[in-house]
PDB file of N, CA and C in Angstrom:
ATOM      1  N   MET A   1     106.169  77.516 121.818  1.00  0.00           N
ATOM      2  CA  MET A   1     106.627  76.827 120.625  1.00  0.00           C
ATOM      3  C   MET A   1     105.482  76.650 119.629  1.00  0.00           C
ATOM      4  N   LYS A   2     104.287  76.317 120.142  1.00  0.00           N
ATOM      5  CA  LYS A   2     103.134  76.113 119.281  1.00  0.00           C
ATOM      6  C   LYS A   2     102.732  77.421 118.587  1.00  0.00           C
ATOM      7  N   GLU A   3     102.861  78.541 119.323  1.00  0.00           N
ATOM      8  CA  GLU A   3     102.527  79.846 118.755  1.00  0.00           C
ATOM      9  C   GLU A   3     103.492  80.203 117.617  1.00  0.00           C
ATOM     10  N   LEU A   4     104.774  79.905 117.807  1.00  0.00           N
ATOM     11  CA  LEU A   4     105.772  80.166 116.778  1.00  0.00           C
ATOM     12  C   LEU A   4     105.466  79.363 115.520  1.00  0.00           C
ATOM     13  N   LYS A   5     105.102  78.103 115.688  1.00  0.00           N
ATOM     14  CA  LYS A   5     104.745  77.255 114.551  1.00  0.00           C
ATOM     15  C   LYS A   5     103.565  77.841 113.781  1.00  0.00           C
ATOM     16  N   MET A   6     102.564  78.299 114.531  1.00  0.00           N
ATOM     17  CA  MET A   6     101.371  78.875 113.897  1.00  0.00           C
ATOM     18  C   MET A   6     101.730  80.141 113.118  1.00  0.00           C
ATOM     19  N   ARG A   7     102.598  80.969 113.700  1.00  0.00           N
ATOM     20  CA  ARG A   7     103.003  82.209 113.013  1.00  0.00           C
ATOM     21  C   ARG A   7     103.798  81.902 111.742  1.00  0.00           C
ATOM     22  N   LEU A   8     104.679  80.920 111.829  1.00  0.00           N
ATOM     23  CA  LEU A   8     105.462  80.531 110.655  1.00  0.00           C
ATOM     24  C   LEU A   8     104.567  79.950 109.564  1.00  0.00           C
ATOM     25  N   LEU A   9     103.600  79.143 109.950  1.00  0.00           N
ATOM     26  CA  LEU A   9     102.657  78.594 108.972  1.00  0.00           C
ATOM     27  C   LEU A   9     101.826  79.702 108.327  1.00  0.00           C
ATOM     28  N   ALA A  10     101.395  80.665 109.147  1.00  0.00           N
ATOM     29  CA  ALA A  10     100.614  81.786 108.619  1.00  0.00           C
ATOM     30  C   ALA A  10     101.453  82.616 107.642  1.00  0.00           C
ATOM     31  N   ALA A  11     102.695  82.892 108.013  1.00  0.00           N
ATOM     32  CA  ALA A  11     103.580  83.668 107.131  1.00  0.00           C
ATOM     33  C   ALA A  11     103.840  82.924 105.826  1.00  0.00           C
ATOM     34  N   GLY A  12     104.115  81.619 105.943  1.00  0.00           N
ATOM     35  CA  GLY A  12     104.339  80.814 104.738  1.00  0.00           C
ATOM     36  C   GLY A  12     103.113  80.765 103.852  1.00  0.00           C
ATOM     37  N   GLY A  13     101.949  80.651 104.470  1.00  0.00           N
ATOM     38  CA  GLY A  13     100.698  80.645 103.714  1.00  0.00           C
ATOM     39  C   GLY A  13     100.463  81.960 102.987  1.00  0.00           C
ATOM     40  N   LEU A  14     100.770  83.081 103.658  1.00  0.00           N
ATOM     41  CA  LEU A  14     100.606  84.398 103.020  1.00  0.00           C
ATOM     42  C   LEU A  14     101.552  84.557 101.838  1.00  0.00           C
ATOM     43  N   ILE A  15     102.780  84.099 102.003  1.00  0.00           N
ATOM     44  CA  ILE A  15     103.745  84.185 100.895  1.00  0.00           C
ATOM     45  C   ILE A  15     103.257  83.363  99.705  1.00  0.00           C
ATOM     46  N   CYS A  16     102.763  82.169  99.981  1.00  0.00           N
ATOM     47  CA  CYS A  16     102.233  81.314  98.902  1.00  0.00           C
ATOM     48  C   CYS A  16     101.048  81.977  98.204  1.00  0.00           C
ATOM     49  N   LEU A  17     100.173  82.619  98.979  1.00  0.00           N
ATOM     50  CA  LEU A  17      99.022  83.312  98.387  1.00  0.00           C
ATOM     51  C   LEU A  17      99.462  84.477  97.501  1.00  0.00           C
ATOM     52  N   VAL A  18     100.442  85.235  97.969  1.00  0.00           N
ATOM     53  CA  VAL A  18     100.942  86.362  97.175  1.00  0.00           C
ATOM     54  C   VAL A  18     101.547  85.856  95.865  1.00  0.00           C
ATOM     55  N   ILE A  19     102.328  84.774  95.935  1.00  0.00           N
ATOM     56  CA  ILE A  19     102.911  84.204  94.717  1.00  0.00           C
ATOM     57  C   ILE A  19     101.806  83.700  93.790  1.00  0.00           C
ATOM     58  N   LEU A  20     100.807  83.043  94.349  1.00  0.00           N
ATOM     59  CA  LEU A  20      99.691  82.520  93.555  1.00  0.00           C
ATOM     60  C   LEU A  20      98.934  83.641  92.847  1.00  0.00           C
ATOM     61  N   PHE A  21      98.573  84.697  93.611  1.00  0.00           N
ATOM     62  CA  PHE A  21      97.831  85.804  93.005  1.00  0.00           C
ATOM     63  C   PHE A  21      98.693  86.596  92.027  1.00  0.00           C
ATOM     64  N   GLY A  22      99.976  86.760  92.339  1.00  0.00           N
ATOM     65  CA  GLY A  22     100.870  87.454  91.409  1.00  0.00           C
ATOM     66  C   GLY A  22     101.014  86.705  90.099  1.00  0.00           C
ATOM     67  N   THR A  23     101.196  85.403  90.190  1.00  0.00           N
ATOM     68  CA  THR A  23     101.309  84.565  88.993  1.00  0.00           C
ATOM     69  C   THR A  23     100.020  84.625  88.182  1.00  0.00           C
ATOM     70  N   ALA A  24      98.888  84.496  88.854  1.00  0.00           N
ATOM     71  CA  ALA A  24      97.593  84.568  88.159  1.00  0.00           C
ATOM     72  C   ALA A  24      97.398  85.927  87.506  1.00  0.00           C
ATOM     73  N   GLY A  25      97.828  86.975  88.192  1.00  0.00           N
ATOM     74  CA  GLY A  25      97.704  88.324  87.635  1.00  0.00           C
ATOM     75  C   GLY A  25      98.478  88.491  86.339  1.00  0.00           C
ATOM     76  N   TYR A  26      99.730  88.030  86.335  1.00  0.00           N
ATOM     77  CA  TYR A  26     100.520  88.110  85.103  1.00  0.00           C
ATOM     78  C   TYR A  26      99.907  87.262  83.995  1.00  0.00           C
ATOM     79  N   MET A  27      99.384  86.095  84.354  1.00  0.00           N
ATOM     80  CA  MET A  27      98.779  85.223  83.349  1.00  0.00           C
ATOM     81  C   MET A  27      97.547  85.880  82.729  1.00  0.00           C
ATOM     82  N   ILE A  28      96.745  86.552  83.539  1.00  0.00           N
ATOM     83  CA  ILE A  28      95.507  87.181  83.052  1.00  0.00           C
ATOM     84  C   ILE A  28      95.805  88.496  82.335  1.00  0.00           C
ATOM     85  N   ILE A  29      96.565  89.368  82.982  1.00  0.00           N
ATOM     86  CA  ILE A  29      96.790  90.712  82.434  1.00  0.00           C
ATOM     87  C   ILE A  29      97.758  90.699  81.254  1.00  0.00           C
ATOM     88  N   GLU A  30      98.891  90.015  81.419  1.00  0.00           N
ATOM     89  CA  GLU A  30      99.916  90.001  80.370  1.00  0.00           C
ATOM     90  C   GLU A  30      99.745  88.863  79.373  1.00  0.00           C
ATOM     91  N   ARG A  31      98.877  87.905  79.707  1.00  0.00           N
ATOM     92  CA  ARG A  31      98.643  86.718  78.884  1.00  0.00           C
ATOM     93  C   ARG A  31      99.925  85.898  78.696  1.00  0.00           C
ATOM     94  N   TRP A  32     100.713  85.797  79.787  1.00  0.00           N
ATOM     95  CA  TRP A  32     101.925  85.001  79.789  1.00  0.00           C
ATOM     96  C   TRP A  32     101.606  83.593  80.238  1.00  0.00           C
ATOM     97  N   GLY A  33     102.509  82.662  79.950  1.00  0.00           N
ATOM     98  CA  GLY A  33     102.372  81.296  80.432  1.00  0.00           C
ATOM     99  C   GLY A  33     102.648  81.221  81.929  1.00  0.00           C
ATOM    100  N   PHE A  34     102.371  80.060  82.511  1.00  0.00           N
ATOM    101  CA  PHE A  34     102.520  79.890  83.953  1.00  0.00           C
ATOM    102  C   PHE A  34     103.949  80.147  84.421  1.00  0.00           C
ATOM    103  N   TRP A  35     104.938  79.508  83.768  1.00  0.00           N
ATOM    104  CA  TRP A  35     106.316  79.606  84.260  1.00  0.00           C
ATOM    105  C   TRP A  35     106.882  81.010  84.134  1.00  0.00           C
ATOM    106  N   ASP A  36     106.578  81.725  83.040  1.00  0.00           N
ATOM    107  CA  ASP A  36     107.041  83.107  82.913  1.00  0.00           C
ATOM    108  C   ASP A  36     106.412  83.978  83.997  1.00  0.00           C
ATOM    109  N   SER A  37     105.123  83.781  84.238  1.00  0.00           N
ATOM    110  CA  SER A  37     104.418  84.554  85.260  1.00  0.00           C
ATOM    111  C   SER A  37     104.967  84.254  86.650  1.00  0.00           C
ATOM    112  N   PHE A  38     105.189  82.991  86.928  1.00  0.00           N
ATOM    113  CA  PHE A  38     105.740  82.582  88.226  1.00  0.00           C
ATOM    114  C   PHE A  38     107.137  83.169  88.419  1.00  0.00           C
ATOM    115  N   TYR A  39     107.951  83.082  87.370  1.00  0.00           N
ATOM    116  CA  TYR A  39     109.324  83.583  87.394  1.00  0.00           C
ATOM    117  C   TYR A  39     109.370  85.077  87.732  1.00  0.00           C
ATOM    118  N   ILE A  40     108.571  85.878  87.031  1.00  0.00           N
ATOM    119  CA  ILE A  40     108.560  87.318  87.268  1.00  0.00           C
ATOM    120  C   ILE A  40     108.035  87.631  88.665  1.00  0.00           C
ATOM    121  N   THR A  41     107.030  86.897  89.119  1.00  0.00           N
ATOM    122  CA  THR A  41     106.481  87.109  90.460  1.00  0.00           C
ATOM    123  C   THR A  41     107.547  86.852  91.522  1.00  0.00           C
ATOM    124  N   VAL A  42     108.254  85.748  91.409  1.00  0.00           N
ATOM    125  CA  VAL A  42     109.282  85.414  92.404  1.00  0.00           C
ATOM    126  C   VAL A  42     110.423  86.425  92.362  1.00  0.00           C
ATOM    127  N   ILE A  43     110.853  86.815  91.181  1.00  0.00           N
ATOM    128  CA  ILE A  43     111.921  87.812  91.064  1.00  0.00           C
ATOM    129  C   ILE A  43     111.489  89.127  91.702  1.00  0.00           C
ATOM    130  N   THR A  44     110.266  89.525  91.476  1.00  0.00           N
ATOM    131  CA  THR A  44     109.759  90.766  92.048  1.00  0.00           C
ATOM    132  C   THR A  44     109.709  90.683  93.572  1.00  0.00           C
ATOM    133  N   LEU A  45     109.203  89.591  94.100  1.00  0.00           N
ATOM    134  CA  LEU A  45     109.075  89.439  95.549  1.00  0.00           C
ATOM    135  C   LEU A  45     110.416  89.322  96.255  1.00  0.00           C
ATOM    136  N   THR A  46     111.400  88.750  95.612  1.00  0.00           N
ATOM    137  CA  THR A  46     112.704  88.584  96.249  1.00  0.00           C
ATOM    138  C   THR A  46     113.608  89.784  96.011  1.00  0.00           C
ATOM    139  N   THR A  47     113.097  90.798  95.370  1.00  0.00           N
ATOM    140  CA  THR A  47     113.794  92.047  95.050  1.00  0.00           C
ATOM    141  C   THR A  47     115.065  91.833  94.248  1.00  0.00           C
ATOM    142  N   VAL A  48     115.115  90.751  93.501  1.00  0.00           N
ATOM    143  CA  VAL A  48     116.210  90.567  92.550  1.00  0.00           C
ATOM    144  C   VAL A  48     115.872  91.470  91.368  1.00  0.00           C
ATOM    145  N   GLY A  49     116.831  92.233  90.908  1.00  0.00           N
ATOM    146  CA  GLY A  49     116.553  93.151  89.813  1.00  0.00           C
ATOM    147  C   GLY A  49     116.507  92.451  88.475  1.00  0.00           C
ATOM    148  N   TYR A  50     115.755  92.970  87.575  1.00  0.00           N
ATOM    149  CA  TYR A  50     115.727  92.465  86.217  1.00  0.00           C
ATOM    150  C   TYR A  50     115.388  93.628  85.314  1.00  0.00           C
ATOM    151  N   ARG A  51     115.907  93.616  84.120  1.00  0.00           N
ATOM    152  CA  ARG A  51     115.641  94.714  83.198  1.00  0.00           C
ATOM    153  C   ARG A  51     115.833  94.210  81.794  1.00  0.00           C
ATOM    154  N   GLU A  52     114.839  94.452  80.952  1.00  0.00           N
ATOM    155  CA  GLU A  52     114.951  94.097  79.545  1.00  0.00           C
ATOM    156  C   GLU A  52     115.775  95.166  78.847  1.00  0.00           C
ATOM    157  N   VAL A  53     116.653  94.732  77.952  1.00  0.00           N
ATOM    158  CA  VAL A  53     117.515  95.651  77.217  1.00  0.00           C
ATOM    159  C   VAL A  53     116.817  96.024  75.909  1.00  0.00           C
ATOM    160  N   TYR A  54     116.631  97.311  75.688  1.00  0.00           N
ATOM    161  CA  TYR A  54     115.976  97.798  74.485  1.00  0.00           C
ATOM    162  C   TYR A  54     116.986  97.941  73.345  1.00  0.00           C
ATOM    163  N   GLU A  55     116.454  97.988  72.125  1.00  0.00           N
ATOM    164  CA  GLU A  55     117.304  98.000  70.934  1.00  0.00           C
ATOM    165  C   GLU A  55     118.276  99.178  70.902  1.00  0.00           C
ATOM    166  N   MET A  56     117.824 100.347  71.305  1.00  0.00           N
ATOM    167  CA  MET A  56     118.676 101.529  71.260  1.00  0.00           C
ATOM    168  C   MET A  56     119.381 101.796  72.595  1.00  0.00           C
ATOM    169  N   SER A  57     119.395 100.832  73.470  1.00  0.00           N
ATOM    170  CA  SER A  57     120.030 100.978  74.777  1.00  0.00           C
ATOM    171  C   SER A  57     121.534 101.116  74.623  1.00  0.00           C
ATOM    172  N   GLN A  58     122.149 101.826  75.565  1.00  0.00           N
ATOM    173  CA  GLN A  58     123.612 101.948  75.547  1.00  0.00           C
ATOM    174  C   GLN A  58     124.288 100.638  75.921  1.00  0.00           C
ATOM    175  N   LEU A  59     123.521  99.670  76.439  1.00  0.00           N
ATOM    176  CA  LEU A  59     124.080  98.364  76.784  1.00  0.00           C
ATOM    177  C   LEU A  59     124.117  97.412  75.587  1.00  0.00           C
ATOM    178  N   ALA A  60     123.176  97.567  74.667  1.00  0.00           N
ATOM    179  CA  ALA A  60     123.038  96.627  73.550  1.00  0.00           C
ATOM    180  C   ALA A  60     124.300  96.592  72.699  1.00  0.00           C
ATOM    181  N   GLY A  61     124.757  95.369  72.411  1.00  0.00           N
ATOM    182  CA  GLY A  61     125.925  95.180  71.566  1.00  0.00           C
ATOM    183  C   GLY A  61     127.250  95.233  72.306  1.00  0.00           C
ATOM    184  N   HIS A  62     127.216  95.452  73.604  1.00  0.00           N
ATOM    185  CA  HIS A  62     128.441  95.515  74.401  1.00  0.00           C
ATOM    186  C   HIS A  62     128.498  94.323  75.355  1.00  0.00           C
ATOM    187  N   ASN A  63     129.723  93.942  75.731  1.00  0.00           N
ATOM    188  CA  ASN A  63     129.831  92.866  76.705  1.00  0.00           C
ATOM    189  C   ASN A  63     129.724  93.440  78.125  1.00  0.00           C
ATOM    190  N   LEU A  64     129.587  92.554  79.098  1.00  0.00           N
ATOM    191  CA  LEU A  64     129.385  92.997  80.481  1.00  0.00           C
ATOM    192  C   LEU A  64     130.552  93.838  80.989  1.00  0.00           C
ATOM    193  N   ASP A  65     131.761  93.524  80.555  1.00  0.00           N
ATOM    194  CA  ASP A  65     132.926  94.299  80.976  1.00  0.00           C
ATOM    195  C   ASP A  65     132.862  95.716  80.415  1.00  0.00           C
ATOM    196  N   GLN A  66     132.543  95.840  79.133  1.00  0.00           N
ATOM    197  CA  GLN A  66     132.470  97.152  78.499  1.00  0.00           C
ATOM    198  C   GLN A  66     131.392  98.035  79.126  1.00  0.00           C
ATOM    199  N   CYS A  67     130.319  97.426  79.571  1.00  0.00           N
ATOM    200  CA  CYS A  67     129.219  98.180  80.178  1.00  0.00           C
ATOM    201  C   CYS A  67     129.563  98.675  81.576  1.00  0.00           C
ATOM    202  N   GLY A  68     130.515  98.037  82.245  1.00  0.00           N
ATOM    203  CA  GLY A  68     130.920  98.458  83.579  1.00  0.00           C
ATOM    204  C   GLY A  68     129.891  98.162  84.656  1.00  0.00           C
ATOM    205  N   ILE A  69     128.998  97.214  84.377  1.00  0.00           N
ATOM    206  CA  ILE A  69     127.926  96.908  85.326  1.00  0.00           C
ATOM    207  C   ILE A  69     128.502  96.443  86.657  1.00  0.00           C
ATOM    208  N   GLY A  70     129.439  95.523  86.622  1.00  0.00           N
ATOM    209  CA  GLY A  70     130.037  95.017  87.854  1.00  0.00           C
ATOM    210  C   GLY A  70     131.043  95.988  88.452  1.00  0.00           C
ATOM    211  N   ARG A  71     131.899  96.517  87.613  1.00  0.00           N
ATOM    212  CA  ARG A  71     132.991  97.376  88.061  1.00  0.00           C
ATOM    213  C   ARG A  71     132.495  98.724  88.591  1.00  0.00           C
ATOM    214  N   GLU A  72     131.609  99.373  87.853  1.00  0.00           N
ATOM    215  CA  GLU A  72     131.177 100.717  88.220  1.00  0.00           C
ATOM    216  C   GLU A  72     129.953 100.737  89.134  1.00  0.00           C
ATOM    217  N   LEU A  73     129.051  99.783  88.944  1.00  0.00           N
ATOM    218  CA  LEU A  73     127.824  99.775  89.735  1.00  0.00           C
ATOM    219  C   LEU A  73     127.853  98.777  90.887  1.00  0.00           C
ATOM    220  N   GLY A  74     128.786  97.829  90.841  1.00  0.00           N
ATOM    221  CA  GLY A  74     128.846  96.819  91.893  1.00  0.00           C
ATOM    222  C   GLY A  74     127.670  95.850  91.842  1.00  0.00           C
ATOM    223  N   ILE A  75     127.121  95.656  90.649  1.00  0.00           N
ATOM    224  CA  ILE A  75     125.974  94.766  90.453  1.00  0.00           C
ATOM    225  C   ILE A  75     126.466  93.436  89.912  1.00  0.00           C
ATOM    226  N   ILE A  76     125.855  92.368  90.378  1.00  0.00           N
ATOM    227  CA  ILE A  76     126.182  91.034  89.881  1.00  0.00           C
ATOM    228  C   ILE A  76     125.081  90.589  88.930  1.00  0.00           C
ATOM    229  N   ILE A  77     125.449  90.246  87.705  1.00  0.00           N
ATOM    230  CA  ILE A  77     124.488  89.692  86.746  1.00  0.00           C
ATOM    231  C   ILE A  77     124.449  88.189  86.981  1.00  0.00           C
ATOM    232  N   VAL A  78     123.313  87.711  87.484  1.00  0.00           N
ATOM    233  CA  VAL A  78     123.149  86.302  87.818  1.00  0.00           C
ATOM    234  C   VAL A  78     122.845  85.470  86.578  1.00  0.00           C
ATOM    235  N   ALA A  79     122.040  86.038  85.682  1.00  0.00           N
ATOM    236  CA  ALA A  79     121.654  85.329  84.462  1.00  0.00           C
ATOM    237  C   ALA A  79     121.186  86.343  83.431  1.00  0.00           C
ATOM    238  N   ILE A  80     121.136  85.886  82.197  1.00  0.00           N
ATOM    239  CA  ILE A  80     120.578  86.683  81.100  1.00  0.00           C
ATOM    240  C   ILE A  80     119.553  85.806  80.403  1.00  0.00           C
ATOM    241  N   LYS A  81     118.317  86.294  80.327  1.00  0.00           N
ATOM    242  CA  LYS A  81     117.286  85.598  79.560  1.00  0.00           C
ATOM    243  C   LYS A  81     117.265  86.246  78.180  1.00  0.00           C
ATOM    244  N   GLN A  82     117.667  85.452  77.185  1.00  0.00           N
ATOM    245  CA  GLN A  82     117.737  85.979  75.828  1.00  0.00           C
ATOM    246  C   GLN A  82     116.337  86.110  75.228  1.00  0.00           C
ATOM    247  N   ALA A  83     116.234  86.911  74.189  1.00  0.00           N
ATOM    248  CA  ALA A  83     114.947  87.162  73.543  1.00  0.00           C
ATOM    249  C   ALA A  83     114.283  85.872  73.063  1.00  0.00           C
ATOM    250  N   ASN A  84     115.079  84.856  72.723  1.00  0.00           N
ATOM    251  CA  ASN A  84     114.513  83.583  72.249  1.00  0.00           C
ATOM    252  C   ASN A  84     114.085  82.677  73.409  1.00  0.00           C
ATOM    253  N   GLY A  85     114.251  83.164  74.648  1.00  0.00           N
ATOM    254  CA  GLY A  85     113.822  82.406  75.819  1.00  0.00           C
ATOM    255  C   GLY A  85     114.920  81.602  76.482  1.00  0.00           C
ATOM    256  N   GLU A  86     116.063  81.474  75.819  1.00  0.00           N
ATOM    257  CA  GLU A  86     117.181  80.708  76.383  1.00  0.00           C
ATOM    258  C   GLU A  86     117.787  81.472  77.563  1.00  0.00           C
ATOM    259  N   MET A  87     118.147  80.740  78.603  1.00  0.00           N
ATOM    260  CA  MET A  87     118.753  81.343  79.789  1.00  0.00           C
ATOM    261  C   MET A  87     120.254  81.098  79.793  1.00  0.00           C
ATOM    262  N   LYS A  88     121.022  82.133  80.078  1.00  0.00           N
ATOM    263  CA  LYS A  88     122.474  82.022  80.270  1.00  0.00           C
ATOM    264  C   LYS A  88     122.733  82.317  81.743  1.00  0.00           C
ATOM    265  N   PHE A  89     123.067  81.273  82.501  1.00  0.00           N
ATOM    266  CA  PHE A  89     123.330  81.447  83.916  1.00  0.00           C
ATOM    267  C   PHE A  89     124.799  81.768  84.147  1.00  0.00           C
ATOM    268  N   ASN A  90     125.056  82.627  85.132  1.00  0.00           N
ATOM    269  CA  ASN A  90     126.407  83.006  85.511  1.00  0.00           C
ATOM    270  C   ASN A  90     127.245  83.440  84.296  1.00  0.00           C
ATOM    271  N   PRO A  91     126.784  84.462  83.562  1.00  0.00           N
ATOM    272  CA  PRO A  91     127.519  84.887  82.366  1.00  0.00           C
ATOM    273  C   PRO A  91     128.876  85.487  82.740  1.00  0.00           C
ATOM    274  N   ASN A  92     129.875  85.259  81.896  1.00  0.00           N
ATOM    275  CA  ASN A  92     131.192  85.831  82.176  1.00  0.00           C
ATOM    276  C   ASN A  92     131.267  87.257  81.643  1.00  0.00           C
ATOM    277  N   PHE A  93     132.378  87.936  81.896  1.00  0.00           N
ATOM    278  CA  PHE A  93     132.504  89.352  81.547  1.00  0.00           C
ATOM    279  C   PHE A  93     132.552  89.608  80.047  1.00  0.00           C
ATOM    280  N   LEU A  94     132.762  88.572  79.229  1.00  0.00           N
ATOM    281  CA  LEU A  94     132.791  88.733  77.777  1.00  0.00           C
ATOM    282  C   LEU A  94     131.428  88.491  77.115  1.00  0.00           C
ATOM    283  N   THR A  95     130.419  88.154  77.913  1.00  0.00           N
ATOM    284  CA  THR A  95     129.085  87.908  77.376  1.00  0.00           C
ATOM    285  C   THR A  95     128.506  89.206  76.822  1.00  0.00           C
ATOM    286  N   VAL A  96     128.058  89.166  75.563  1.00  0.00           N
ATOM    287  CA  VAL A  96     127.513  90.345  74.898  1.00  0.00           C
ATOM    288  C   VAL A  96     126.017  90.451  75.192  1.00  0.00           C
ATOM    289  N   ILE A  97     125.592  91.657  75.537  1.00  0.00           N
ATOM    290  CA  ILE A  97     124.180  91.938  75.800  1.00  0.00           C
ATOM    291  C   ILE A  97     123.526  92.336  74.490  1.00  0.00           C
ATOM    292  N   GLU A  98     122.466  91.637  74.142  1.00  0.00           N
ATOM    293  CA  GLU A  98     121.762  91.893  72.883  1.00  0.00           C
ATOM    294  C   GLU A  98     120.406  92.544  73.169  1.00  0.00           C
ATOM    295  N   PRO A  99     119.857  93.288  72.180  1.00  0.00           N
ATOM    296  CA  PRO A  99     118.515  93.849  72.351  1.00  0.00           C
ATOM    297  C   PRO A  99     117.508  92.734  72.642  1.00  0.00           C
ATOM    298  N   GLY A 100     116.623  92.973  73.585  1.00  0.00           N
ATOM    299  CA  GLY A 100     115.614  91.984  73.949  1.00  0.00           C
ATOM    300  C   GLY A 100     116.045  91.086  75.091  1.00  0.00           C
ATOM    301  N   ASP A 101     117.343  91.112  75.457  1.00  0.00           N
ATOM    302  CA  ASP A 101     117.816  90.337  76.598  1.00  0.00           C
ATOM    303  C   ASP A 101     117.236  90.917  77.883  1.00  0.00           C
ATOM    304  N   THR A 102     116.984  90.060  78.840  1.00  0.00           N
ATOM    305  CA  THR A 102     116.552  90.485  80.164  1.00  0.00           C
ATOM    306  C   THR A 102     117.666  90.136  81.134  1.00  0.00           C
ATOM    307  N   LEU A 103     118.179  91.163  81.813  1.00  0.00           N
ATOM    308  CA  LEU A 103     119.257  90.965  82.766  1.00  0.00           C
ATOM    309  C   LEU A 103     118.669  90.663  84.135  1.00  0.00           C
ATOM    310  N   ILE A 104     119.163  89.625  84.767  1.00  0.00           N
ATOM    311  CA  ILE A 104     118.729  89.270  86.113  1.00  0.00           C
ATOM    312  C   ILE A 104     119.906  89.584  87.018  1.00  0.00           C
ATOM    313  N   ALA A 105     119.721  90.576  87.888  1.00  0.00           N
ATOM    314  CA  ALA A 105     120.836  91.136  88.635  1.00  0.00           C
ATOM    315  C   ALA A 105     120.544  91.223  90.124  1.00  0.00           C
ATOM    316  N   VAL A 106     121.624  91.260  90.890  1.00  0.00           N
ATOM    317  CA  VAL A 106     121.537  91.437  92.333  1.00  0.00           C
ATOM    318  C   VAL A 106     122.428  92.610  92.702  1.00  0.00           C
ATOM    319  N   GLY A 107     121.901  93.504  93.539  1.00  0.00           N
ATOM    320  CA  GLY A 107     122.677  94.652  93.979  1.00  0.00           C
ATOM    321  C   GLY A 107     121.820  95.594  94.791  1.00  0.00           C
ATOM    322  N   GLU A 108     122.397  96.703  95.180  1.00  0.00           N
ATOM    323  CA  GLU A 108     121.665  97.708  95.937  1.00  0.00           C
ATOM    324  C   GLU A 108     120.559  98.293  95.063  1.00  0.00           C
ATOM    325  N   ALA A 109     119.444  98.649  95.700  1.00  0.00           N
ATOM    326  CA  ALA A 109     118.287  99.161  94.968  1.00  0.00           C
ATOM    327  C   ALA A 109     118.639 100.394  94.127  1.00  0.00           C
ATOM    328  N   SER A 110     119.436 101.300  94.686  1.00  0.00           N
ATOM    329  CA  SER A 110     119.792 102.515  93.942  1.00  0.00           C
ATOM    330  C   SER A 110     120.641 102.188  92.713  1.00  0.00           C
ATOM    331  N   LYS A 111     121.509 101.202  92.845  1.00  0.00           N
ATOM    332  CA  LYS A 111     122.359 100.794  91.719  1.00  0.00           C
ATOM    333  C   LYS A 111     121.548 100.048  90.658  1.00  0.00           C
ATOM    334  N   LEU A 112     120.568  99.249  91.118  1.00  0.00           N
ATOM    335  CA  LEU A 112     119.692  98.559  90.163  1.00  0.00           C
ATOM    336  C   LEU A 112     118.873  99.568  89.368  1.00  0.00           C
ATOM    337  N   LYS A 113     118.482 100.664  90.008  1.00  0.00           N
ATOM    338  CA  LYS A 113     117.742 101.724  89.311  1.00  0.00           C
ATOM    339  C   LYS A 113     118.635 102.354  88.237  1.00  0.00           C
ATOM    340  N   MET A 114     119.925 102.517  88.551  1.00  0.00           N
ATOM    341  CA  MET A 114     120.861 103.054  87.561  1.00  0.00           C
ATOM    342  C   MET A 114     120.992 102.105  86.371  1.00  0.00           C
ATOM    343  N   LEU A 115     121.047 100.805  86.654  1.00  0.00           N
ATOM    344  CA  LEU A 115     121.104  99.807  85.581  1.00  0.00           C
ATOM    345  C   LEU A 115     119.838  99.881  84.731  1.00  0.00           C
ATOM    346  N   GLU A 116     118.707 100.028  85.378  1.00  0.00           N
ATOM    347  CA  GLU A 116     117.439 100.140  84.652  1.00  0.00           C
ATOM    348  C   GLU A 116     117.481 101.331  83.698  1.00  0.00           C
ATOM    349  N   ASN A 117     117.998 102.436  84.154  1.00  0.00           N
ATOM    350  CA  ASN A 117     118.097 103.633  83.295  1.00  0.00           C
ATOM    351  C   ASN A 117     119.061 103.400  82.140  1.00  0.00           C
ATOM    352  N   MET A 118     120.146 102.658  82.390  1.00  0.00           N
ATOM    353  CA  MET A 118     121.104 102.354  81.318  1.00  0.00           C
ATOM    354  C   MET A 118     120.463 101.450  80.258  1.00  0.00           C
ATOM    355  N   ALA A 119     119.559 100.569  80.666  1.00  0.00           N
ATOM    356  CA  ALA A 119     118.959  99.608  79.750  1.00  0.00           C
ATOM    357  C   ALA A 119     117.865 100.227  78.894  1.00  0.00           C
ATOM    358  N   LYS A 120     117.361 101.371  79.285  1.00  0.00           N
ATOM    359  CA  LYS A 120     116.282 102.017  78.522  1.00  0.00           C
ATOM    360  C   LYS A 120     116.809 102.625  77.242  1.00  0.00           C
ATOM    361  N   LEU A 121     115.865 103.080  76.435  1.00  0.00           N
ATOM    362  CA  LEU A 121     116.237 103.739  75.178  1.00  0.00           C
ATOM    363  C   LEU A 121     117.037 104.996  75.456  1.00  0.00           C
ATOM    364  N   THR A 122     118.022 105.254  74.632  1.00  0.00           N
ATOM    365  CA  THR A 122     118.837 106.458  74.810  1.00  0.00           C
ATOM    366  C   THR A 122     118.310 107.579  73.960  1.00  0.00           C
TER     367      THR A 122
END
């Protein structure tokens, strides 16, 4: 039992160190604030997908239903971080995706890659 506790503490400590160094890295390299850096680090580590929508993207100006993200890709959009920094949690199918929005999504890695390609410039 004592060995299990030690292993769990070691694993938890390593995860905390990775989050700490990842956050510091974004703060230094990207010159982002603490919370933005922490947010991106946690999203990256938990393999939750995210993708910024570019101005000429085929997603820009369309709602989630029109894009077919859920229906065709089987991806769930958990939230949308708008260009002004405002977060829209649990967006409905009529939510319009605007240029500069960052989609926070959950799904299979291959499907998230397809979403990433859809969000890029056309």
